[in-house]
């Protein structure tokens, strides 16, 4: 099967030759082709070259456009600083000192430098490997982008002291995310990933009252475009599972500290679970045999539908043989007793 066929078949509940592999590669991919993280984040040509090369070398089924959380933030007026071997950072958050978001420029995904760069990445994937691989665009979730605009500590205070303002700011972030997603789908993305890691740091009550309704609107809007939705929330999402179950996701990434059994019980069998090996303990510092054994255990716990992944990004210094072990074809088990 082609990688795209395999990916879609799993989402549709059909048998496959083996499970799809969706590891998140950034610094690892950049350095694999002799480049660096800064260039990977700044230039879609490096990002696409690196991911295409790694997909061919290791056996990966989805092309991703992830690099850092500041694509939309730059569109809102932030200056982003690139670092050779580290994630880019925001020099000053646009709403750090003045919370009035009416003063911000409204990002145009086709004109804002870093948003346009991601759209060009999707176009490049479509031109080079379209029809063969799944292509995933990416947007920031409402809480994540609001925190990027306000600065994390300010946003947490907003959630506690001015929830009306926090909600209105997140509404703006969803509006921009939908525009950004629409451009990526038009360029050839079959899936849009949503990163909303900040959500894992709030209580269930705050999540369900303020963040979840905005995530629901974002997911509904993306699905109305005809795209699949993959949710990525780093950290422990156990307390968010009842709310996440209402989103209608196609794929959810699960970090290593979360029980796959509990995720499956909460989300049911219509959502593909990706994960959840520990990126450091299992992938970076593990051995191929331990990785294979842990992956089998993850699959038994999660059952179908399941896609191979670690809990988060594959560390840059991961030995190649360890990533190869993670991506070795894992047989689909339609009669797994865990189902």
C-alpha atoms as a PDB file:
ATOM      1  CA  UNK A   1       0.000   0.000   0.000  1.00  0.00           C
ATOM      2  CA  UNK A   2       1.067   3.583  -0.537  1.00  0.00           C
ATOM      3  CA  UNK A   3       1.556   5.552   2.692  1.00  0.00           C
ATOM      4  CA  UNK A   4      -1.503   7.728   1.984  1.00  0.00           C
ATOM      5  CA  UNK A   5      -3.645   4.649   1.306  1.00  0.00           C
ATOM      6  CA  UNK A   6      -2.431   3.040   4.531  1.00  0.00           C
ATOM      7  CA  UNK A   7      -3.129   6.149   6.587  1.00  0.00           C
ATOM      8  CA  UNK A   8      -6.650   6.651   5.230  1.00  0.00           C
ATOM      9  CA  UNK A   9      -7.504   2.968   5.489  1.00  0.00           C
ATOM     10  CA  UNK A  10      -6.678   2.953   9.199  1.00  0.00           C
ATOM     11  CA  UNK A  11      -8.893   5.989   9.741  1.00  0.00           C
ATOM     12  CA  UNK A  12     -11.703   4.274   7.855  1.00  0.00           C
ATOM     13  CA  UNK A  13     -11.380   1.022   9.814  1.00  0.00           C
ATOM     14  CA  UNK A  14     -10.116  -1.046   6.895  1.00  0.00           C
ATOM     15  CA  UNK A  15      -7.334  -3.668   7.073  1.00  0.00           C
ATOM     16  CA  UNK A  16      -3.827  -2.547   6.118  1.00  0.00           C
ATOM     17  CA  UNK A  17      -0.538  -4.258   5.305  1.00  0.00           C
ATOM     18  CA  UNK A  18       0.985  -2.738   8.451  1.00  0.00           C
ATOM     19  CA  UNK A  19       0.401   0.212  10.761  1.00  0.00           C
ATOM     20  CA  UNK A  20       1.089   3.763   9.614  1.00  0.00           C
ATOM     21  CA  UNK A  21       4.136   5.514  11.091  1.00  0.00           C
ATOM     22  CA  UNK A  22       3.705   9.181  12.159  1.00  0.00           C
ATOM     23  CA  UNK A  23       6.810  10.184  14.155  1.00  0.00           C
ATOM     24  CA  UNK A  24       7.396  13.920  14.544  1.00  0.00           C
ATOM     25  CA  UNK A  25      10.787  14.867  13.125  1.00  0.00           C
ATOM     26  CA  UNK A  26      12.265  18.350  13.290  1.00  0.00           C
ATOM     27  CA  UNK A  27      15.849  18.789  14.491  1.00  0.00           C
ATOM     28  CA  UNK A  28      16.565  15.137  13.735  1.00  0.00           C
ATOM     29  CA  UNK A  29      15.362  15.533  10.141  1.00  0.00           C
ATOM     30  CA  UNK A  30      17.261  18.781   9.605  1.00  0.00           C
ATOM     31  CA  UNK A  31      20.545  17.352  10.825  1.00  0.00           C
ATOM     32  CA  UNK A  32      20.005  14.137   8.880  1.00  0.00           C
ATOM     33  CA  UNK A  33      20.405  16.099   5.641  1.00  0.00           C
ATOM     34  CA  UNK A  34      23.314  18.168   6.961  1.00  0.00           C
ATOM     35  CA  UNK A  35      21.283  21.229   7.880  1.00  0.00           C
ATOM     36  CA  UNK A  36      20.217  22.699  11.220  1.00  0.00           C
ATOM     37  CA  UNK A  37      17.093  23.488  13.213  1.00  0.00           C
ATOM     38  CA  UNK A  38      17.166  27.205  12.446  1.00  0.00           C
ATOM     39  CA  UNK A  39      17.224  26.655   8.702  1.00  0.00           C
ATOM     40  CA  UNK A  40      14.519  24.009   9.016  1.00  0.00           C
ATOM     41  CA  UNK A  41      12.209  26.463  10.789  1.00  0.00           C
ATOM     42  CA  UNK A  42      12.999  29.387   8.490  1.00  0.00           C
ATOM     43  CA  UNK A  43      12.888  27.790   5.041  1.00  0.00           C
ATOM     44  CA  UNK A  44      10.208  25.441   3.719  1.00  0.00           C
ATOM     45  CA  UNK A  45      12.718  23.990   1.240  1.00  0.00           C
ATOM     46  CA  UNK A  46      14.893  22.653   4.063  1.00  0.00           C
ATOM     47  CA  UNK A  47      11.844  21.406   5.967  1.00  0.00           C
ATOM     48  CA  UNK A  48      10.410  19.524   3.003  1.00  0.00           C
ATOM     49  CA  UNK A  49      13.757  18.153   1.814  1.00  0.00           C
ATOM     50  CA  UNK A  50      14.473  16.849   5.324  1.00  0.00           C
ATOM     51  CA  UNK A  51      11.104  15.186   5.865  1.00  0.00           C
ATOM     52  CA  UNK A  52      10.983  13.633   2.401  1.00  0.00           C
ATOM     53  CA  UNK A  53      14.495  12.237   2.851  1.00  0.00           C
ATOM     54  CA  UNK A  54      13.647  10.765   6.261  1.00  0.00           C
ATOM     55  CA  UNK A  55      10.370   9.305   5.019  1.00  0.00           C
ATOM     56  CA  UNK A  56      12.279   7.439   2.342  1.00  0.00           C
ATOM     57  CA  UNK A  57      15.065   6.319   4.648  1.00  0.00           C
ATOM     58  CA  UNK A  58      13.045   5.248   7.679  1.00  0.00           C
ATOM     59  CA  UNK A  59       9.572   4.488   6.334  1.00  0.00           C
ATOM     60  CA  UNK A  60       7.248   7.296   7.451  1.00  0.00           C
ATOM     61  CA  UNK A  61       3.708   7.678   6.144  1.00  0.00           C
ATOM     62  CA  UNK A  62       2.912  11.344   6.687  1.00  0.00           C
ATOM     63  CA  UNK A  63       4.704  14.519   5.691  1.00  0.00           C
ATOM     64  CA  UNK A  64       4.451  17.139   8.398  1.00  0.00           C
ATOM     65  CA  UNK A  65       4.966  20.879   8.488  1.00  0.00           C
ATOM     66  CA  UNK A  66       5.761  21.293  12.188  1.00  0.00           C
ATOM     67  CA  UNK A  67       8.745  23.385  13.220  1.00  0.00           C
ATOM     68  CA  UNK A  68       7.825  25.676  16.139  1.00  0.00           C
ATOM     69  CA  UNK A  69       4.772  27.448  17.601  1.00  0.00           C
ATOM     70  CA  UNK A  70       5.378  30.924  16.184  1.00  0.00           C
ATOM     71  CA  UNK A  71       3.994  30.893  12.642  1.00  0.00           C
ATOM     72  CA  UNK A  72       0.760  32.723  13.420  1.00  0.00           C
ATOM     73  CA  UNK A  73       2.469  34.785  16.124  1.00  0.00           C
ATOM     74  CA  UNK A  74       4.790  36.319  13.535  1.00  0.00           C
ATOM     75  CA  UNK A  75       1.719  37.139  11.461  1.00  0.00           C
ATOM     76  CA  UNK A  76       0.369  39.053  14.470  1.00  0.00           C
ATOM     77  CA  UNK A  77       3.505  41.214  14.449  1.00  0.00           C
ATOM     78  CA  UNK A  78       6.039  39.356  16.606  1.00  0.00           C
ATOM     79  CA  UNK A  79       9.716  39.234  15.763  1.00  0.00           C
ATOM     80  CA  UNK A  80      10.945  35.634  15.713  1.00  0.00           C
ATOM     81  CA  UNK A  81      14.597  34.847  16.380  1.00  0.00           C
ATOM     82  CA  UNK A  82      16.077  31.755  14.720  1.00  0.00           C
ATOM     83  CA  UNK A  83      18.703  29.685  16.502  1.00  0.00           C
ATOM     84  CA  UNK A  84      20.958  27.198  14.782  1.00  0.00           C
ATOM     85  CA  UNK A  85      20.407  24.252  17.110  1.00  0.00           C
ATOM     86  CA  UNK A  86      17.348  25.236  19.137  1.00  0.00           C
ATOM     87  CA  UNK A  87      13.708  26.113  18.634  1.00  0.00           C
ATOM     88  CA  UNK A  88      13.093  29.693  17.415  1.00  0.00           C
ATOM     89  CA  UNK A  89      11.868  32.064  20.076  1.00  0.00           C
ATOM     90  CA  UNK A  90       9.649  35.112  20.230  1.00  0.00           C
ATOM     91  CA  UNK A  91      11.670  38.246  21.053  1.00  0.00           C
ATOM     92  CA  UNK A  92       8.648  39.975  22.563  1.00  0.00           C
ATOM     93  CA  UNK A  93       5.096  38.679  22.744  1.00  0.00           C
ATOM     94  CA  UNK A  94       2.740  41.060  20.922  1.00  0.00           C
ATOM     95  CA  UNK A  95       0.318  41.435  23.857  1.00  0.00           C
ATOM     96  CA  UNK A  96       2.876  41.074  26.624  1.00  0.00           C
ATOM     97  CA  UNK A  97       2.459  44.627  27.955  1.00  0.00           C
ATOM     98  CA  UNK A  98      -0.754  45.799  26.319  1.00  0.00           C
ATOM     99  CA  UNK A  99      -3.635  43.280  26.196  1.00  0.00           C
ATOM    100  CA  UNK A 100      -5.608  45.246  23.588  1.00  0.00           C
ATOM    101  CA  UNK A 101      -5.636  42.838  20.657  1.00  0.00           C
ATOM    102  CA  UNK A 102      -7.584  45.305  18.485  1.00  0.00           C
ATOM    103  CA  UNK A 103      -4.218  47.008  17.888  1.00  0.00           C
ATOM    104  CA  UNK A 104      -2.676  43.885  16.367  1.00  0.00           C
ATOM    105  CA  UNK A 105      -2.388  43.415  12.608  1.00  0.00           C
ATOM    106  CA  UNK A 106      -4.748  40.734  11.315  1.00  0.00           C
ATOM    107  CA  UNK A 107      -2.569  37.978   9.837  1.00  0.00           C
ATOM    108  CA  UNK A 108      -3.081  37.164   6.167  1.00  0.00           C
ATOM    109  CA  UNK A 109      -1.784  33.595   5.723  1.00  0.00           C
ATOM    110  CA  UNK A 110      -0.838  34.294   2.108  1.00  0.00           C
ATOM    111  CA  UNK A 111       1.204  37.367   3.028  1.00  0.00           C
ATOM    112  CA  UNK A 112       2.574  36.820   6.545  1.00  0.00           C
ATOM    113  CA  UNK A 113       6.111  35.534   6.020  1.00  0.00           C
ATOM    114  CA  UNK A 114       6.101  32.472   8.245  1.00  0.00           C
ATOM    115  CA  UNK A 115       2.513  31.443   7.541  1.00  0.00           C
ATOM    116  CA  UNK A 116       3.177  31.698   3.826  1.00  0.00           C
ATOM    117  CA  UNK A 117       6.324  29.598   4.284  1.00  0.00           C
ATOM    118  CA  UNK A 118       4.234  26.769   5.758  1.00  0.00           C
ATOM    119  CA  UNK A 119       1.744  26.982   2.894  1.00  0.00           C
ATOM    120  CA  UNK A 120       4.689  26.718   0.500  1.00  0.00           C
ATOM    121  CA  UNK A 121       5.795  23.590   2.357  1.00  0.00           C
ATOM    122  CA  UNK A 122       2.390  22.006   1.741  1.00  0.00           C
ATOM    123  CA  UNK A 123       2.516  23.015  -1.933  1.00  0.00           C
ATOM    124  CA  UNK A 124       5.985  21.522  -2.257  1.00  0.00           C
ATOM    125  CA  UNK A 125       4.878  18.241  -0.701  1.00  0.00           C
ATOM    126  CA  UNK A 126       1.883  18.147  -3.008  1.00  0.00           C
ATOM    127  CA  UNK A 127       4.105  18.703  -6.037  1.00  0.00           C
ATOM    128  CA  UNK A 128       6.775  16.186  -5.042  1.00  0.00           C
ATOM    129  CA  UNK A 129       4.929  13.400  -3.198  1.00  0.00           C
ATOM    130  CA  UNK A 130       1.230  14.218  -3.500  1.00  0.00           C
ATOM    131  CA  UNK A 131      -0.949  11.146  -3.864  1.00  0.00           C
ATOM    132  CA  UNK A 132       1.727   8.954  -2.313  1.00  0.00           C
ATOM    133  CA  UNK A 133       2.042  10.330   1.224  1.00  0.00           C
ATOM    134  CA  UNK A 134      -0.401  11.933   3.621  1.00  0.00           C
ATOM    135  CA  UNK A 135       0.354  15.657   3.916  1.00  0.00           C
ATOM    136  CA  UNK A 136      -0.322  17.332   7.249  1.00  0.00           C
ATOM    137  CA  UNK A 137      -0.618  21.082   7.649  1.00  0.00           C
ATOM    138  CA  UNK A 138      -0.554  22.645  11.097  1.00  0.00           C
ATOM    139  CA  UNK A 139      -2.194  25.388  13.155  1.00  0.00           C
ATOM    140  CA  UNK A 140      -1.900  26.483  16.754  1.00  0.00           C
ATOM    141  CA  UNK A 141      -4.829  25.727  19.024  1.00  0.00           C
ATOM    142  CA  UNK A 142      -6.747  28.522  20.747  1.00  0.00           C
ATOM    143  CA  UNK A 143      -5.005  28.302  24.122  1.00  0.00           C
ATOM    144  CA  UNK A 144      -1.548  27.816  22.631  1.00  0.00           C
ATOM    145  CA  UNK A 145      -1.782  30.812  20.321  1.00  0.00           C
ATOM    146  CA  UNK A 146      -3.364  33.050  22.949  1.00  0.00           C
ATOM    147  CA  UNK A 147      -0.457  32.186  25.269  1.00  0.00           C
ATOM    148  CA  UNK A 148       2.032  32.946  22.490  1.00  0.00           C
ATOM    149  CA  UNK A 149       0.456  36.363  22.030  1.00  0.00           C
ATOM    150  CA  UNK A 150       0.029  37.309  25.698  1.00  0.00           C
ATOM    151  CA  UNK A 151       2.992  35.371  27.164  1.00  0.00           C
ATOM    152  CA  UNK A 152       2.198  32.235  29.090  1.00  0.00           C
ATOM    153  CA  UNK A 153       2.044  33.681  32.602  1.00  0.00           C
ATOM    154  CA  UNK A 154      -0.168  36.573  31.507  1.00  0.00           C
ATOM    155  CA  UNK A 155      -2.563  34.211  29.738  1.00  0.00           C
ATOM    156  CA  UNK A 156      -2.932  32.034  32.828  1.00  0.00           C
ATOM    157  CA  UNK A 157      -3.790  35.129  34.856  1.00  0.00           C
ATOM    158  CA  UNK A 158      -6.321  36.083  32.165  1.00  0.00           C
ATOM    159  CA  UNK A 159      -7.990  32.682  32.494  1.00  0.00           C
ATOM    160  CA  UNK A 160      -8.401  33.238  36.230  1.00  0.00           C
ATOM    161  CA  UNK A 161      -9.174  36.952  36.415  1.00  0.00           C
ATOM    162  CA  UNK A 162     -10.733  37.947  33.074  1.00  0.00           C
ATOM    163  CA  UNK A 163     -12.215  34.912  31.385  1.00  0.00           C
ATOM    164  CA  UNK A 164     -14.295  37.079  29.021  1.00  0.00           C
ATOM    165  CA  UNK A 165     -11.133  38.657  27.633  1.00  0.00           C
ATOM    166  CA  UNK A 166      -9.366  35.274  27.468  1.00  0.00           C
ATOM    167  CA  UNK A 167     -12.297  33.830  25.551  1.00  0.00           C
ATOM    168  CA  UNK A 168     -12.411  36.725  23.083  1.00  0.00           C
ATOM    169  CA  UNK A 169      -8.676  36.457  22.468  1.00  0.00           C
ATOM    170  CA  UNK A 170      -9.012  32.720  21.816  1.00  0.00           C
ATOM    171  CA  UNK A 171     -11.918  33.420  19.450  1.00  0.00           C
ATOM    172  CA  UNK A 172      -9.602  35.631  17.407  1.00  0.00           C
ATOM    173  CA  UNK A 173      -6.964  32.884  17.417  1.00  0.00           C
ATOM    174  CA  UNK A 174      -9.513  30.366  16.122  1.00  0.00           C
ATOM    175  CA  UNK A 175     -10.602  32.739  13.356  1.00  0.00           C
ATOM    176  CA  UNK A 176      -7.009  33.098  12.185  1.00  0.00           C
ATOM    177  CA  UNK A 177      -6.318  29.364  12.550  1.00  0.00           C
ATOM    178  CA  UNK A 178      -9.295  28.549  10.327  1.00  0.00           C
ATOM    179  CA  UNK A 179      -8.083  30.953   7.647  1.00  0.00           C
ATOM    180  CA  UNK A 180      -4.606  29.436   7.879  1.00  0.00           C
ATOM    181  CA  UNK A 181      -5.971  25.895   7.734  1.00  0.00           C
ATOM    182  CA  UNK A 182      -8.112  26.707   4.705  1.00  0.00           C
ATOM    183  CA  UNK A 183      -5.054  27.920   2.790  1.00  0.00           C
ATOM    184  CA  UNK A 184      -3.141  24.757   3.669  1.00  0.00           C
ATOM    185  CA  UNK A 185      -6.001  22.488   2.614  1.00  0.00           C
ATOM    186  CA  UNK A 186      -6.252  24.398  -0.666  1.00  0.00           C
ATOM    187  CA  UNK A 187      -2.513  23.842  -1.156  1.00  0.00           C
ATOM    188  CA  UNK A 188      -2.880  20.070  -0.746  1.00  0.00           C
ATOM    189  CA  UNK A 189      -3.019  19.125   2.946  1.00  0.00           C
ATOM    190  CA  UNK A 190      -5.315  16.152   3.651  1.00  0.00           C
ATOM    191  CA  UNK A 191      -4.855  16.561   7.419  1.00  0.00           C
ATOM    192  CA  UNK A 192      -4.491  19.555   9.697  1.00  0.00           C
ATOM    193  CA  UNK A 193      -2.688  19.106  12.989  1.00  0.00           C
ATOM    194  CA  UNK A 194      -3.624  21.233  15.970  1.00  0.00           C
ATOM    195  CA  UNK A 195      -1.093  21.945  18.696  1.00  0.00           C
ATOM    196  CA  UNK A 196      -2.633  23.091  21.987  1.00  0.00           C
ATOM    197  CA  UNK A 197      -0.141  22.029  24.642  1.00  0.00           C
ATOM    198  CA  UNK A 198      -1.122  24.822  27.038  1.00  0.00           C
ATOM    199  CA  UNK A 199      -4.453  23.055  27.565  1.00  0.00           C
ATOM    200  CA  UNK A 200      -2.755  20.277  29.534  1.00  0.00           C
ATOM    201  CA  UNK A 201      -1.812  22.800  32.224  1.00  0.00           C
ATOM    202  CA  UNK A 202      -5.318  23.913  33.182  1.00  0.00           C
ATOM    203  CA  UNK A 203      -8.045  22.303  35.269  1.00  0.00           C
ATOM    204  CA  UNK A 204     -10.848  20.258  33.689  1.00  0.00           C
ATOM    205  CA  UNK A 205     -13.308  23.009  34.613  1.00  0.00           C
ATOM    206  CA  UNK A 206     -11.304  25.754  32.906  1.00  0.00           C
ATOM    207  CA  UNK A 207     -10.656  23.556  29.904  1.00  0.00           C
ATOM    208  CA  UNK A 208     -14.289  22.563  29.398  1.00  0.00           C
ATOM    209  CA  UNK A 209     -15.665  26.048  30.003  1.00  0.00           C
ATOM    210  CA  UNK A 210     -13.183  28.180  28.061  1.00  0.00           C
ATOM    211  CA  UNK A 211     -10.845  26.189  25.820  1.00  0.00           C
ATOM    212  CA  UNK A 212     -12.898  23.192  24.682  1.00  0.00           C
ATOM    213  CA  UNK A 213     -15.660  25.214  22.956  1.00  0.00           C
ATOM    214  CA  UNK A 214     -12.993  26.995  20.886  1.00  0.00           C
ATOM    215  CA  UNK A 215     -11.282  23.715  20.006  1.00  0.00           C
ATOM    216  CA  UNK A 216     -14.666  22.321  18.986  1.00  0.00           C
ATOM    217  CA  UNK A 217     -15.246  25.236  16.620  1.00  0.00           C
ATOM    218  CA  UNK A 218     -11.774  24.834  15.166  1.00  0.00           C
ATOM    219  CA  UNK A 219     -12.186  21.090  14.590  1.00  0.00           C
ATOM    220  CA  UNK A 220     -15.651  21.517  13.065  1.00  0.00           C
ATOM    221  CA  UNK A 221     -14.349  24.182  10.723  1.00  0.00           C
ATOM    222  CA  UNK A 222     -11.418  22.084   9.537  1.00  0.00           C
ATOM    223  CA  UNK A 223     -13.601  19.046   8.976  1.00  0.00           C
ATOM    224  CA  UNK A 224     -16.004  21.185   6.949  1.00  0.00           C
ATOM    225  CA  UNK A 225     -13.057  21.818   4.619  1.00  0.00           C
ATOM    226  CA  UNK A 226     -12.815  18.067   3.981  1.00  0.00           C
ATOM    227  CA  UNK A 227      -9.606  17.545   5.964  1.00  0.00           C
ATOM    228  CA  UNK A 228      -8.770  15.110   8.753  1.00  0.00           C
ATOM    229  CA  UNK A 229      -7.788  16.492  12.166  1.00  0.00           C
ATOM    230  CA  UNK A 230      -4.854  15.375  14.305  1.00  0.00           C
ATOM    231  CA  UNK A 231      -4.642  16.785  17.839  1.00  0.00           C
ATOM    232  CA  UNK A 232      -1.349  17.145  19.674  1.00  0.00           C
ATOM    233  CA  UNK A 233      -1.366  18.206  23.330  1.00  0.00           C
ATOM    234  CA  UNK A 234       1.956  17.528  25.033  1.00  0.00           C
ATOM    235  CA  UNK A 235       1.909  16.405  28.632  1.00  0.00           C
ATOM    236  CA  UNK A 236      -0.642  14.646  30.781  1.00  0.00           C
ATOM    237  CA  UNK A 237      -4.085  14.955  29.189  1.00  0.00           C
ATOM    238  CA  UNK A 238      -5.825  12.394  31.406  1.00  0.00           C
ATOM    239  CA  UNK A 239      -7.986  15.054  33.066  1.00  0.00           C
ATOM    240  CA  UNK A 240      -8.996  16.418  29.639  1.00  0.00           C
ATOM    241  CA  UNK A 241     -10.171  13.131  28.143  1.00  0.00           C
ATOM    242  CA  UNK A 242     -13.926  13.644  28.671  1.00  0.00           C
ATOM    243  CA  UNK A 243     -13.737  16.920  26.784  1.00  0.00           C
ATOM    244  CA  UNK A 244     -11.414  15.596  24.090  1.00  0.00           C
ATOM    245  CA  UNK A 245     -13.898  12.805  23.441  1.00  0.00           C
ATOM    246  CA  UNK A 246     -16.362  15.427  22.195  1.00  0.00           C
ATOM    247  CA  UNK A 247     -14.094  16.863  19.502  1.00  0.00           C
ATOM    248  CA  UNK A 248     -14.608  14.255  16.789  1.00  0.00           C
ATOM    249  CA  UNK A 249     -10.871  13.900  16.140  1.00  0.00           C
ATOM    250  CA  UNK A 250      -9.393  11.543  13.579  1.00  0.00           C
ATOM    251  CA  UNK A 251      -5.991  11.143  15.273  1.00  0.00           C
ATOM    252  CA  UNK A 252      -4.773  12.047  18.742  1.00  0.00           C
ATOM    253  CA  UNK A 253      -1.139  12.042  19.816  1.00  0.00           C
ATOM    254  CA  UNK A 254      -0.711  10.706  23.347  1.00  0.00           C
ATOM    255  CA  UNK A 255       2.301  11.549  25.496  1.00  0.00           C
ATOM    256  CA  UNK A 256       4.188   8.902  27.447  1.00  0.00           C
ATOM    257  CA  UNK A 257       2.720   9.654  30.898  1.00  0.00           C
ATOM    258  CA  UNK A 258      -0.862   8.934  29.769  1.00  0.00           C
ATOM    259  CA  UNK A 259      -2.523   5.507  29.904  1.00  0.00           C
ATOM    260  CA  UNK A 260      -3.405   4.318  26.398  1.00  0.00           C
ATOM    261  CA  UNK A 261      -6.057   2.059  27.879  1.00  0.00           C
ATOM    262  CA  UNK A 262      -7.712   5.037  29.513  1.00  0.00           C
ATOM    263  CA  UNK A 263      -7.528   7.080  26.317  1.00  0.00           C
ATOM    264  CA  UNK A 264      -9.212   4.288  24.377  1.00  0.00           C
ATOM    265  CA  UNK A 265     -11.924   3.878  26.995  1.00  0.00           C
ATOM    266  CA  UNK A 266     -12.647   7.597  26.912  1.00  0.00           C
ATOM    267  CA  UNK A 267     -12.396   8.282  23.168  1.00  0.00           C
ATOM    268  CA  UNK A 268     -13.765   5.024  21.772  1.00  0.00           C
ATOM    269  CA  UNK A 269     -12.731   3.246  18.598  1.00  0.00           C
ATOM    270  CA  UNK A 270     -13.342   5.975  16.035  1.00  0.00           C
ATOM    271  CA  UNK A 271     -10.185   7.899  16.945  1.00  0.00           C
ATOM    272  CA  UNK A 272      -6.736   6.656  15.933  1.00  0.00           C
ATOM    273  CA  UNK A 273      -4.294   6.805  18.831  1.00  0.00           C
ATOM    274  CA  UNK A 274      -0.688   7.697  18.101  1.00  0.00           C
ATOM    275  CA  UNK A 275       1.982   7.000  20.686  1.00  0.00           C
ATOM    276  CA  UNK A 276       3.127   6.802  23.261  1.00  0.00           C
ATOM    277  CA  UNK A 277       6.778   5.845  23.736  1.00  0.00           C
ATOM    278  CA  UNK A 278       8.833   8.225  25.869  1.00  0.00           C
ATOM    279  CA  UNK A 279      10.894  10.265  23.380  1.00  0.00           C
ATOM    280  CA  UNK A 280      13.891  10.393  25.711  1.00  0.00           C
ATOM    281  CA  UNK A 281      13.850   7.241  27.851  1.00  0.00           C
ATOM    282  CA  UNK A 282      12.551   4.919  25.111  1.00  0.00           C
ATOM    283  CA  UNK A 283      13.706   6.480  21.827  1.00  0.00           C
ATOM    284  CA  UNK A 284      16.821   8.553  22.524  1.00  0.00           C
ATOM    285  CA  UNK A 285      18.284   6.333  25.254  1.00  0.00           C
ATOM    286  CA  UNK A 286      16.657   3.027  24.414  1.00  0.00           C
ATOM    287  CA  UNK A 287      17.748   0.129  22.261  1.00  0.00           C
ATOM    288  CA  UNK A 288      16.092  -1.207  19.107  1.00  0.00           C
ATOM    289  CA  UNK A 289      14.892  -4.340  20.903  1.00  0.00           C
ATOM    290  CA  UNK A 290      13.395  -2.361  23.777  1.00  0.00           C
ATOM    291  CA  UNK A 291      11.694  -0.005  21.337  1.00  0.00           C
ATOM    292  CA  UNK A 292      10.130  -2.891  19.414  1.00  0.00           C
ATOM    293  CA  UNK A 293       8.889  -4.488  22.639  1.00  0.00           C
ATOM    294  CA  UNK A 294       7.488  -1.225  24.003  1.00  0.00           C
ATOM    295  CA  UNK A 295       5.732  -0.474  20.727  1.00  0.00           C
ATOM    296  CA  UNK A 296       4.063  -3.880  20.726  1.00  0.00           C
ATOM    297  CA  UNK A 297       2.898  -3.229  24.269  1.00  0.00           C
ATOM    298  CA  UNK A 298       1.492   0.179  23.276  1.00  0.00           C
ATOM    299  CA  UNK A 299      -0.448  -1.398  20.424  1.00  0.00           C
ATOM    300  CA  UNK A 300      -1.887  -4.071  22.689  1.00  0.00           C
ATOM    301  CA  UNK A 301      -3.003  -1.439  25.185  1.00  0.00           C
ATOM    302  CA  UNK A 302      -4.516   0.945  22.642  1.00  0.00           C
ATOM    303  CA  UNK A 303      -6.009  -1.498  20.150  1.00  0.00           C
ATOM    304  CA  UNK A 304      -7.258  -0.331  16.771  1.00  0.00           C
ATOM    305  CA  UNK A 305      -7.171   2.188  15.223  1.00  0.00           C
ATOM    306  CA  UNK A 306      -3.542   2.849  16.094  1.00  0.00           C
ATOM    307  CA  UNK A 307      -0.624   4.642  14.489  1.00  0.00           C
ATOM    308  CA  UNK A 308       3.040   4.371  15.424  1.00  0.00           C
ATOM    309  CA  UNK A 309       4.474   7.405  17.176  1.00  0.00           C
ATOM    310  CA  UNK A 310       6.383   8.540  20.226  1.00  0.00           C
ATOM    311  CA  UNK A 311       4.766  10.788  22.803  1.00  0.00           C
ATOM    312  CA  UNK A 312       6.257  13.889  21.172  1.00  0.00           C
ATOM    313  CA  UNK A 313       9.103  14.943  18.856  1.00  0.00           C
ATOM    314  CA  UNK A 314      11.930  12.489  18.195  1.00  0.00           C
ATOM    315  CA  UNK A 315      15.020  14.083  19.833  1.00  0.00           C
ATOM    316  CA  UNK A 316      17.681  15.314  17.463  1.00  0.00           C
ATOM    317  CA  UNK A 317      20.424  13.111  18.922  1.00  0.00           C
ATOM    318  CA  UNK A 318      18.416   9.885  18.570  1.00  0.00           C
ATOM    319  CA  UNK A 319      20.534   7.038  17.110  1.00  0.00           C
ATOM    320  CA  UNK A 320      19.363   6.234  13.594  1.00  0.00           C
ATOM    321  CA  UNK A 321      18.923   2.562  14.458  1.00  0.00           C
ATOM    322  CA  UNK A 322      16.439   3.527  17.185  1.00  0.00           C
ATOM    323  CA  UNK A 323      14.236   5.499  14.808  1.00  0.00           C
ATOM    324  CA  UNK A 324      14.533   2.644  12.349  1.00  0.00           C
ATOM    325  CA  UNK A 325      13.264   0.242  15.004  1.00  0.00           C
ATOM    326  CA  UNK A 326      10.309   2.506  15.767  1.00  0.00           C
ATOM    327  CA  UNK A 327       9.414   2.664  12.073  1.00  0.00           C
ATOM    328  CA  UNK A 328       9.827  -1.021  11.225  1.00  0.00           C
ATOM    329  CA  UNK A 329       6.540  -2.303   9.775  1.00  0.00           C
ATOM    330  CA  UNK A 330       4.304  -3.416  12.633  1.00  0.00           C
ATOM    331  CA  UNK A 331       1.688  -5.937  11.566  1.00  0.00           C
ATOM    332  CA  UNK A 332      -1.934  -4.888  11.728  1.00  0.00           C
ATOM    333  CA  UNK A 333      -3.860  -7.112  14.152  1.00  0.00           C
ATOM    334  CA  UNK A 334      -7.578  -7.016  13.327  1.00  0.00           C
ATOM    335  CA  UNK A 335      -8.390  -9.715  15.890  1.00  0.00           C
ATOM    336  CA  UNK A 336      -6.358  -8.226  18.721  1.00  0.00           C
ATOM    337  CA  UNK A 337      -7.998  -9.350  22.007  1.00  0.00           C
ATOM    338  CA  UNK A 338      -7.882  -5.781  23.291  1.00  0.00           C
ATOM    339  CA  UNK A 339     -10.526  -4.730  20.751  1.00  0.00           C
END
